[in-house]
Amino acid sequence: MKKLGIIGLSLFVLVSGACKKGGNDSSQNSSIPKYMDIVDAQSLFIGTPTGLKKGSAGTQIFKVMNDSVVIEVTSKDERGNDITNAIRPVNICNLSNNYLTVTFDIPFGNNTVSGGIRTFLVRKSDGAVFQGENLIETAVKDGNFAGRQGDLIYEDESGNIYYPKFNGFQSNGYSIFKLNVSNPNALTIQKYSASGDDVSYFTINRYGDLLYRGGMNQIRYRHPSKGFFNIEKNVMYLLYDANHNNIYGITSVQDV
């Protein structure tokens, strides 16, 4: 199981009684996070000092410690200054035992990051924050991935992370992205599914082999180094084994 998750509404009482107040220096309104104090947290959630009103003005990130104490997470910019509540967290997404993403609403922006909704990669071991494009904002539970329960986030044996991301209503729906974290200061994020495909089902093994439905009747297989291959079968289900060594496509009897 992934170590750091997101807890729900059952923490209302804890939040109202066990939070520390952060800084309020209005001169830092346009700063972006470079560090978040999440080390040793058992869970994270978004709320307010008086309740869990996600997305409202004044929302903050809180962490739950081993002793069940709830503490407001402190974020600092590249100069070491506390970041104010002008930057509002709106989503947290757990990627692996080593990384998560946090999405902020940044009202003003600055010379390195534009304003608006921006997502950052956060390393759990030290709270370091890194920038990157096409980072997943929140885990996909179902939606267009009907029949595929769970977070739909995979990790290969090298620590690379794979996830679906919605490209926008004017684009081709969902694509699969590969996040290479070998150098967090220079993240490599590539589209792993074929351009033009709207992915609705997919599975990946620990070697980076990808099998997915890219259209109404289009099944594609991607080898990590050899590229894409079309599967000329009516595949009904996509599965992987317990060790993520192999991936499978199950067809109907008449297609065998």
C-alpha atoms as a PDB file:
ATOM      1  CA  MET A   1       0.000   0.000   0.000  1.00  0.00           C
ATOM      2  CA  LYS A   2       1.102   3.574  -0.555  1.00  0.00           C
ATOM      3  CA  LYS A   3       2.213   5.177   2.699  1.00  0.00           C
ATOM      4  CA  LEU A   4       0.732   8.630   2.416  1.00  0.00           C
ATOM      5  CA  GLY A   5      -2.932   9.010   1.628  1.00  0.00           C
ATOM      6  CA  ILE A   6      -5.736  11.496   1.962  1.00  0.00           C
ATOM      7  CA  ILE A   7      -8.155  11.271   4.861  1.00  0.00           C
ATOM      8  CA  GLY A   8     -11.769  12.257   4.812  1.00  0.00           C
ATOM      9  CA  LEU A   9     -14.453  14.059   6.720  1.00  0.00           C
ATOM     10  CA  SER A  10     -14.022  12.074   9.939  1.00  0.00           C
ATOM     11  CA  LEU A  11     -11.279  14.514  11.011  1.00  0.00           C
ATOM     12  CA  PHE A  12     -13.599  17.500  11.446  1.00  0.00           C
ATOM     13  CA  VAL A  13     -13.215  17.568  15.236  1.00  0.00           C
ATOM     14  CA  LEU A  14      -9.442  17.179  15.096  1.00  0.00           C
ATOM     15  CA  VAL A  15      -9.080  19.963  12.580  1.00  0.00           C
ATOM     16  CA  SER A  16     -11.038  22.445  14.665  1.00  0.00           C
ATOM     17  CA  GLY A  17      -8.955  21.831  17.772  1.00  0.00           C
ATOM     18  CA  ALA A  18      -5.372  20.996  16.811  1.00  0.00           C
ATOM     19  CA  CYS A  19      -4.095  23.343  14.094  1.00  0.00           C
ATOM     20  CA  LYS A  20      -1.210  25.794  14.131  1.00  0.00           C
ATOM     21  CA  LYS A  21      -1.614  29.127  12.366  1.00  0.00           C
ATOM     22  CA  GLY A  22       0.728  29.944   9.485  1.00  0.00           C
ATOM     23  CA  GLY A  23       2.323  33.205   8.362  1.00  0.00           C
ATOM     24  CA  ASN A  24       0.399  36.053   6.748  1.00  0.00           C
ATOM     25  CA  ASP A  25       2.956  38.210   4.964  1.00  0.00           C
ATOM     26  CA  SER A  26       1.052  39.780   2.083  1.00  0.00           C
ATOM     27  CA  SER A  27       4.316  40.524   0.270  1.00  0.00           C
ATOM     28  CA  GLN A  28       4.616  36.798  -0.500  1.00  0.00           C
ATOM     29  CA  ASN A  29       1.274  36.538  -2.319  1.00  0.00           C
ATOM     30  CA  SER A  30       2.922  35.761  -5.675  1.00  0.00           C
ATOM     31  CA  SER A  31       5.438  33.234  -4.328  1.00  0.00           C
ATOM     32  CA  ILE A  32       5.369  29.564  -5.339  1.00  0.00           C
ATOM     33  CA  PRO A  33       6.243  26.614  -3.080  1.00  0.00           C
ATOM     34  CA  LYS A  34       9.732  25.095  -3.058  1.00  0.00           C
ATOM     35  CA  TYR A  35       9.342  23.177   0.201  1.00  0.00           C
ATOM     36  CA  MET A  36       6.424  21.688   2.129  1.00  0.00           C
ATOM     37  CA  ASP A  37       6.720  20.458   5.708  1.00  0.00           C
ATOM     38  CA  ILE A  38       5.204  16.983   5.139  1.00  0.00           C
ATOM     39  CA  VAL A  39       8.028  14.794   6.470  1.00  0.00           C
ATOM     40  CA  ASP A  40       6.782  12.032   8.816  1.00  0.00           C
ATOM     41  CA  ALA A  41       3.129  12.772   8.018  1.00  0.00           C
ATOM     42  CA  GLN A  42       0.862   9.727   7.983  1.00  0.00           C
ATOM     43  CA  SER A  43      -1.880  11.432   5.968  1.00  0.00           C
ATOM     44  CA  LEU A  44      -2.601  14.771   4.327  1.00  0.00           C
ATOM     45  CA  PHE A  45      -5.875  16.557   3.682  1.00  0.00           C
ATOM     46  CA  ILE A  46      -7.166  19.964   2.598  1.00  0.00           C
ATOM     47  CA  GLY A  47      -9.336  21.955   4.983  1.00  0.00           C
ATOM     48  CA  THR A  48      -9.694  25.109   7.067  1.00  0.00           C
ATOM     49  CA  PRO A  49      -8.942  25.708  10.757  1.00  0.00           C
ATOM     50  CA  THR A  50     -12.682  25.490  11.443  1.00  0.00           C
ATOM     51  CA  GLY A  51     -13.742  22.683   9.116  1.00  0.00           C
ATOM     52  CA  LEU A  52     -13.198  20.797   5.877  1.00  0.00           C
ATOM     53  CA  LYS A  53     -14.518  23.288   3.314  1.00  0.00           C
ATOM     54  CA  LYS A  54     -12.408  22.153   0.387  1.00  0.00           C
ATOM     55  CA  GLY A  55     -11.797  24.756  -2.306  1.00  0.00           C
ATOM     56  CA  SER A  56     -13.071  27.702  -0.272  1.00  0.00           C
ATOM     57  CA  ALA A  57     -11.087  30.813   0.595  1.00  0.00           C
ATOM     58  CA  GLY A  58      -8.472  30.223   3.273  1.00  0.00           C
ATOM     59  CA  THR A  59      -8.085  26.485   2.692  1.00  0.00           C
ATOM     60  CA  GLN A  60      -4.805  24.937   3.808  1.00  0.00           C
ATOM     61  CA  ILE A  61      -3.045  21.563   3.817  1.00  0.00           C
ATOM     62  CA  PHE A  62      -2.956  19.671   7.114  1.00  0.00           C
ATOM     63  CA  LYS A  63      -0.920  16.626   8.118  1.00  0.00           C
ATOM     64  CA  VAL A  64      -1.796  13.852  10.564  1.00  0.00           C
ATOM     65  CA  MET A  65       1.136  12.634  12.659  1.00  0.00           C
ATOM     66  CA  ASN A  66       1.741   9.237  14.317  1.00  0.00           C
ATOM     67  CA  ASP A  67       0.128  10.423  17.548  1.00  0.00           C
ATOM     68  CA  SER A  68      -2.993  11.573  15.637  1.00  0.00           C
ATOM     69  CA  VAL A  69      -2.144  15.246  16.173  1.00  0.00           C
ATOM     70  CA  VAL A  70      -3.230  17.403  13.209  1.00  0.00           C
ATOM     71  CA  ILE A  71      -0.831  20.199  12.170  1.00  0.00           C
ATOM     72  CA  GLU A  72      -1.040  22.804   9.434  1.00  0.00           C
ATOM     73  CA  VAL A  73       1.578  22.172   6.728  1.00  0.00           C
ATOM     74  CA  THR A  74       4.031  25.028   6.286  1.00  0.00           C
ATOM     75  CA  SER A  75       5.052  25.882   2.709  1.00  0.00           C
ATOM     76  CA  LYS A  76       8.091  28.008   1.880  1.00  0.00           C
ATOM     77  CA  ASP A  77       9.265  29.713  -1.284  1.00  0.00           C
ATOM     78  CA  GLU A  78      12.752  29.616  -2.807  1.00  0.00           C
ATOM     79  CA  ARG A  79      13.886  32.401  -0.440  1.00  0.00           C
ATOM     80  CA  GLY A  80      12.749  30.471   2.636  1.00  0.00           C
ATOM     81  CA  ASN A  81       9.758  32.742   3.298  1.00  0.00           C
ATOM     82  CA  ASP A  82       6.437  31.328   4.474  1.00  0.00           C
ATOM     83  CA  ILE A  83       3.817  31.274   1.728  1.00  0.00           C
ATOM     84  CA  THR A  84       0.548  32.985   2.576  1.00  0.00           C
ATOM     85  CA  ASN A  85      -3.011  31.765   2.271  1.00  0.00           C
ATOM     86  CA  ALA A  86      -3.330  33.672  -1.024  1.00  0.00           C
ATOM     87  CA  ILE A  87      -2.118  30.454  -2.673  1.00  0.00           C
ATOM     88  CA  ARG A  88      -4.911  27.947  -2.087  1.00  0.00           C
ATOM     89  CA  PRO A  89      -4.421  24.159  -2.285  1.00  0.00           C
ATOM     90  CA  VAL A  90      -7.206  22.482  -4.247  1.00  0.00           C
ATOM     91  CA  ASN A  91      -6.045  18.877  -4.743  1.00  0.00           C
ATOM     92  CA  ILE A  92      -3.613  16.264  -3.450  1.00  0.00           C
ATOM     93  CA  CYS A  93      -2.764  13.114  -5.419  1.00  0.00           C
ATOM     94  CA  ASN A  94      -0.709  10.233  -4.033  1.00  0.00           C
ATOM     95  CA  LEU A  95       1.642   8.829  -6.702  1.00  0.00           C
ATOM     96  CA  SER A  96       3.930   6.374  -4.908  1.00  0.00           C
ATOM     97  CA  ASN A  97       5.802   5.739  -1.671  1.00  0.00           C
ATOM     98  CA  ASN A  98       8.186   8.515  -2.703  1.00  0.00           C
ATOM     99  CA  TYR A  99       6.108  11.194  -4.442  1.00  0.00           C
ATOM    100  CA  LEU A 100       2.766  12.992  -4.485  1.00  0.00           C
ATOM    101  CA  THR A 101       1.395  15.995  -6.331  1.00  0.00           C
ATOM    102  CA  VAL A 102      -0.252  19.075  -4.858  1.00  0.00           C
ATOM    103  CA  THR A 103      -2.375  21.434  -6.951  1.00  0.00           C
ATOM    104  CA  PHE A 104      -2.642  25.116  -5.998  1.00  0.00           C
ATOM    105  CA  ASP A 105      -4.756  28.008  -7.186  1.00  0.00           C
ATOM    106  CA  ILE A 106      -2.142  30.753  -7.635  1.00  0.00           C
ATOM    107  CA  PRO A 107      -3.987  34.053  -8.105  1.00  0.00           C
ATOM    108  CA  PHE A 108      -1.140  36.281  -9.317  1.00  0.00           C
ATOM    109  CA  GLY A 109       1.759  34.200 -10.591  1.00  0.00           C
ATOM    110  CA  ASN A 110       5.299  35.518 -10.929  1.00  0.00           C
ATOM    111  CA  ASN A 111       8.230  35.532 -13.353  1.00  0.00           C
ATOM    112  CA  THR A 112       8.650  31.732 -13.182  1.00  0.00           C
ATOM    113  CA  VAL A 113       5.087  30.410 -12.837  1.00  0.00           C
ATOM    114  CA  SER A 114       1.916  31.838 -14.328  1.00  0.00           C
ATOM    115  CA  GLY A 115      -1.169  32.330 -12.217  1.00  0.00           C
ATOM    116  CA  GLY A 116      -4.125  29.965 -12.173  1.00  0.00           C
ATOM    117  CA  ILE A 117      -4.346  26.266 -11.323  1.00  0.00           C
ATOM    118  CA  ARG A 118      -0.844  24.765 -11.145  1.00  0.00           C
ATOM    119  CA  THR A 119       0.297  21.294 -10.045  1.00  0.00           C
ATOM    120  CA  PHE A 120       3.653  20.518  -8.411  1.00  0.00           C
ATOM    121  CA  LEU A 121       5.543  17.311  -7.631  1.00  0.00           C
ATOM    122  CA  VAL A 122       6.443  16.861  -3.949  1.00  0.00           C
ATOM    123  CA  ARG A 123       9.065  14.429  -2.619  1.00  0.00           C
ATOM    124  CA  LYS A 124       7.866  12.792   0.602  1.00  0.00           C
ATOM    125  CA  SER A 125      11.286  12.192   2.141  1.00  0.00           C
ATOM    126  CA  ASP A 126      12.166  15.889   2.498  1.00  0.00           C
ATOM    127  CA  GLY A 127       9.178  17.908   1.237  1.00  0.00           C
ATOM    128  CA  ALA A 128      11.064  19.328  -1.775  1.00  0.00           C
ATOM    129  CA  VAL A 129       8.748  20.749  -4.465  1.00  0.00           C
ATOM    130  CA  PHE A 130       9.420  20.504  -8.220  1.00  0.00           C
ATOM    131  CA  GLN A 131       7.731  22.015 -11.265  1.00  0.00           C
ATOM    132  CA  GLY A 132       6.488  20.141 -14.296  1.00  0.00           C
ATOM    133  CA  GLU A 133       3.799  20.193 -16.981  1.00  0.00           C
ATOM    134  CA  ASN A 134       1.049  17.561 -17.350  1.00  0.00           C
ATOM    135  CA  LEU A 135       1.309  16.351 -13.749  1.00  0.00           C
ATOM    136  CA  ILE A 136      -1.802  14.543 -12.525  1.00  0.00           C
ATOM    137  CA  GLU A 137      -3.957  16.715 -10.260  1.00  0.00           C
ATOM    138  CA  THR A 138      -6.086  14.036  -8.646  1.00  0.00           C
ATOM    139  CA  ALA A 139      -6.533  10.277  -8.831  1.00  0.00           C
ATOM    140  CA  VAL A 140      -9.007   9.019 -11.445  1.00  0.00           C
ATOM    141  CA  LYS A 141     -11.446   6.710  -9.696  1.00  0.00           C
ATOM    142  CA  ASP A 142     -13.873   5.814 -12.455  1.00  0.00           C
ATOM    143  CA  GLY A 143     -15.486   8.380 -14.772  1.00  0.00           C
ATOM    144  CA  ASN A 144     -14.478   7.528 -18.338  1.00  0.00           C
ATOM    145  CA  PHE A 145     -12.565   4.527 -16.984  1.00  0.00           C
ATOM    146  CA  ALA A 146     -15.715   2.490 -16.320  1.00  0.00           C
ATOM    147  CA  GLY A 147     -14.936  -0.866 -14.727  1.00  0.00           C
ATOM    148  CA  ARG A 148     -11.435   0.166 -13.658  1.00  0.00           C
ATOM    149  CA  GLN A 149     -11.576   0.863  -9.921  1.00  0.00           C
ATOM    150  CA  GLY A 150      -8.649   2.201  -7.912  1.00  0.00           C
ATOM    151  CA  ASP A 151      -6.188   5.020  -8.348  1.00  0.00           C
ATOM    152  CA  LEU A 152      -5.076   4.006 -11.858  1.00  0.00           C
ATOM    153  CA  ILE A 153      -1.516   5.035 -11.086  1.00  0.00           C
ATOM    154  CA  TYR A 154       1.316   2.606 -11.820  1.00  0.00           C
ATOM    155  CA  GLU A 155       5.022   2.505 -10.970  1.00  0.00           C
ATOM    156  CA  ASP A 156       7.653   0.487 -12.836  1.00  0.00           C
ATOM    157  CA  GLU A 157      10.733  -1.165 -11.376  1.00  0.00           C
ATOM    158  CA  SER A 158      12.837   1.965 -12.041  1.00  0.00           C
ATOM    159  CA  GLY A 159      10.460   4.243 -10.130  1.00  0.00           C
ATOM    160  CA  ASN A 160       8.857   5.811 -13.206  1.00  0.00           C
ATOM    161  CA  ILE A 161       5.192   6.660 -12.660  1.00  0.00           C
ATOM    162  CA  TYR A 162       2.339   6.260 -15.166  1.00  0.00           C
ATOM    163  CA  TYR A 163      -1.100   7.863 -14.934  1.00  0.00           C
ATOM    164  CA  PRO A 164      -4.085   9.002 -17.021  1.00  0.00           C
ATOM    165  CA  LYS A 165      -4.689  12.719 -17.499  1.00  0.00           C
ATOM    166  CA  PHE A 166      -7.609  14.524 -19.079  1.00  0.00           C
ATOM    167  CA  ASN A 167      -6.395  16.645 -21.997  1.00  0.00           C
ATOM    168  CA  GLY A 168      -9.417  18.944 -22.031  1.00  0.00           C
ATOM    169  CA  PHE A 169     -12.763  19.025 -23.745  1.00  0.00           C
ATOM    170  CA  GLN A 170     -11.266  20.528 -26.902  1.00  0.00           C
ATOM    171  CA  SER A 171      -8.732  17.715 -27.174  1.00  0.00           C
ATOM    172  CA  ASN A 172      -8.902  13.930 -27.436  1.00  0.00           C
ATOM    173  CA  GLY A 173      -9.983  13.074 -23.880  1.00  0.00           C
ATOM    174  CA  TYR A 174      -7.571  11.020 -21.750  1.00  0.00           C
ATOM    175  CA  SER A 175      -3.948  10.206 -22.470  1.00  0.00           C
ATOM    176  CA  ILE A 176      -1.425   8.134 -20.506  1.00  0.00           C
ATOM    177  CA  PHE A 177       1.653  10.019 -19.288  1.00  0.00           C
ATOM    178  CA  LYS A 178       4.976   8.696 -18.024  1.00  0.00           C
ATOM    179  CA  LEU A 179       6.753  10.660 -15.282  1.00  0.00           C
ATOM    180  CA  ASN A 180      10.497  10.030 -14.980  1.00  0.00           C
ATOM    181  CA  VAL A 181      11.703  11.200 -11.556  1.00  0.00           C
ATOM    182  CA  SER A 182      15.371  10.190 -11.845  1.00  0.00           C
ATOM    183  CA  ASN A 183      16.195  13.924 -11.864  1.00  0.00           C
ATOM    184  CA  PRO A 184      13.341  15.823 -10.156  1.00  0.00           C
ATOM    185  CA  ASN A 185      14.950  19.182 -10.974  1.00  0.00           C
ATOM    186  CA  ALA A 186      14.566  18.356 -14.666  1.00  0.00           C
ATOM    187  CA  LEU A 187      11.431  16.230 -14.783  1.00  0.00           C
ATOM    188  CA  THR A 188      10.761  14.233 -17.931  1.00  0.00           C
ATOM    189  CA  ILE A 189       7.038  13.886 -18.564  1.00  0.00           C
ATOM    190  CA  GLN A 190       6.084  12.259 -21.858  1.00  0.00           C
ATOM    191  CA  LYS A 191       2.807  11.226 -23.412  1.00  0.00           C
ATOM    192  CA  TYR A 192       2.990   7.438 -23.322  1.00  0.00           C
ATOM    193  CA  SER A 193      -0.154   6.629 -25.303  1.00  0.00           C
ATOM    194  CA  ALA A 194      -0.339   7.388 -29.027  1.00  0.00           C
ATOM    195  CA  SER A 195      -1.303  10.885 -30.138  1.00  0.00           C
ATOM    196  CA  GLY A 196      -4.967  11.093 -31.053  1.00  0.00           C
ATOM    197  CA  ASP A 197      -6.053   8.172 -28.866  1.00  0.00           C
ATOM    198  CA  ASP A 198      -8.706   8.724 -26.211  1.00  0.00           C
ATOM    199  CA  VAL A 199      -7.752   6.145 -23.579  1.00  0.00           C
ATOM    200  CA  SER A 200     -10.622   4.532 -21.678  1.00  0.00           C
ATOM    201  CA  TYR A 201      -8.978   1.360 -20.261  1.00  0.00           C
ATOM    202  CA  PHE A 202      -5.322   0.584 -19.679  1.00  0.00           C
ATOM    203  CA  THR A 203      -2.887  -1.543 -17.718  1.00  0.00           C
ATOM    204  CA  ILE A 204       0.908  -1.481 -17.302  1.00  0.00           C
ATOM    205  CA  ASN A 205       3.416  -3.998 -15.953  1.00  0.00           C
ATOM    206  CA  ARG A 206       6.531  -3.214 -13.962  1.00  0.00           C
ATOM    207  CA  TYR A 207       8.664  -3.211 -17.112  1.00  0.00           C
ATOM    208  CA  GLY A 208       6.706  -0.361 -18.699  1.00  0.00           C
ATOM    209  CA  ASP A 209       4.685  -2.446 -21.173  1.00  0.00           C
ATOM    210  CA  LEU A 210       1.364  -0.676 -21.810  1.00  0.00           C
ATOM    211  CA  LEU A 211      -1.912  -2.168 -23.061  1.00  0.00           C
ATOM    212  CA  TYR A 212      -4.899   0.120 -23.569  1.00  0.00           C
ATOM    213  CA  ARG A 213      -8.113   0.842 -25.431  1.00  0.00           C
ATOM    214  CA  GLY A 214      -7.531   3.944 -27.516  1.00  0.00           C
ATOM    215  CA  GLY A 215     -10.885   4.213 -29.243  1.00  0.00           C
ATOM    216  CA  MET A 216     -14.186   2.404 -29.706  1.00  0.00           C
ATOM    217  CA  ASN A 217     -12.583  -0.809 -31.019  1.00  0.00           C
ATOM    218  CA  GLN A 218      -8.891   0.053 -31.000  1.00  0.00           C
ATOM    219  CA  ILE A 219      -6.552  -1.894 -28.692  1.00  0.00           C
ATOM    220  CA  ARG A 220      -2.915  -0.867 -28.684  1.00  0.00           C
ATOM    221  CA  TYR A 221       0.153  -2.365 -27.066  1.00  0.00           C
ATOM    222  CA  ARG A 222       3.237  -0.245 -26.428  1.00  0.00           C
ATOM    223  CA  HIS A 223       6.633  -1.784 -25.863  1.00  0.00           C
ATOM    224  CA  PRO A 224       8.985   0.530 -23.891  1.00  0.00           C
ATOM    225  CA  SER A 225      11.593   0.596 -26.674  1.00  0.00           C
ATOM    226  CA  LYS A 226       9.936  -0.911 -29.789  1.00  0.00           C
ATOM    227  CA  GLY A 227       6.895   1.347 -29.983  1.00  0.00           C
ATOM    228  CA  PHE A 228       3.213   0.659 -30.718  1.00  0.00           C
ATOM    229  CA  PHE A 229       1.453  -2.430 -32.042  1.00  0.00           C
ATOM    230  CA  ASN A 230      -2.252  -2.764 -32.841  1.00  0.00           C
ATOM    231  CA  ILE A 231      -4.172  -5.724 -31.386  1.00  0.00           C
ATOM    232  CA  GLU A 232      -6.654  -7.044 -33.947  1.00  0.00           C
ATOM    233  CA  LYS A 233      -8.982  -8.648 -31.403  1.00  0.00           C
ATOM    234  CA  ASN A 234     -12.125  -7.601 -29.584  1.00  0.00           C
ATOM    235  CA  VAL A 235     -10.498  -7.336 -26.150  1.00  0.00           C
ATOM    236  CA  MET A 236     -13.068  -7.149 -23.367  1.00  0.00           C
ATOM    237  CA  TYR A 237     -10.864  -6.832 -20.267  1.00  0.00           C
ATOM    238  CA  LEU A 238      -7.307  -5.682 -19.563  1.00  0.00           C
ATOM    239  CA  LEU A 239      -5.568  -7.264 -16.566  1.00  0.00           C
ATOM    240  CA  TYR A 240      -2.182  -7.708 -14.885  1.00  0.00           C
ATOM    241  CA  ASP A 241      -0.891 -10.436 -12.578  1.00  0.00           C
ATOM    242  CA  ALA A 242      -0.187 -10.105  -8.864  1.00  0.00           C
ATOM    243  CA  ASN A 243       3.490  -9.242  -9.335  1.00  0.00           C
ATOM    244  CA  HIS A 244       2.891  -6.867 -12.280  1.00  0.00           C
ATOM    245  CA  ASN A 245       5.179  -9.038 -14.375  1.00  0.00           C
ATOM    246  CA  ASN A 246       2.648  -9.623 -17.163  1.00  0.00           C
ATOM    247  CA  ILE A 247      -0.366  -7.917 -18.710  1.00  0.00           C
ATOM    248  CA  TYR A 248      -3.308  -9.644 -20.385  1.00  0.00           C
ATOM    249  CA  GLY A 249      -6.111  -8.868 -22.768  1.00  0.00           C
ATOM    250  CA  ILE A 250      -9.168 -11.144 -22.478  1.00  0.00           C
ATOM    251  CA  THR A 251     -11.266 -11.666 -25.596  1.00  0.00           C
ATOM    252  CA  SER A 252     -14.697 -13.184 -26.091  1.00  0.00           C
ATOM    253  CA  VAL A 253     -14.896 -16.904 -27.040  1.00  0.00           C
ATOM    254  CA  GLN A 254     -15.823 -16.225 -30.676  1.00  0.00           C
ATOM    255  CA  ASP A 255     -12.724 -14.049 -31.123  1.00  0.00           C
ATOM    256  CA  VAL A 256     -10.236 -16.670 -29.943  1.00  0.00           C
END
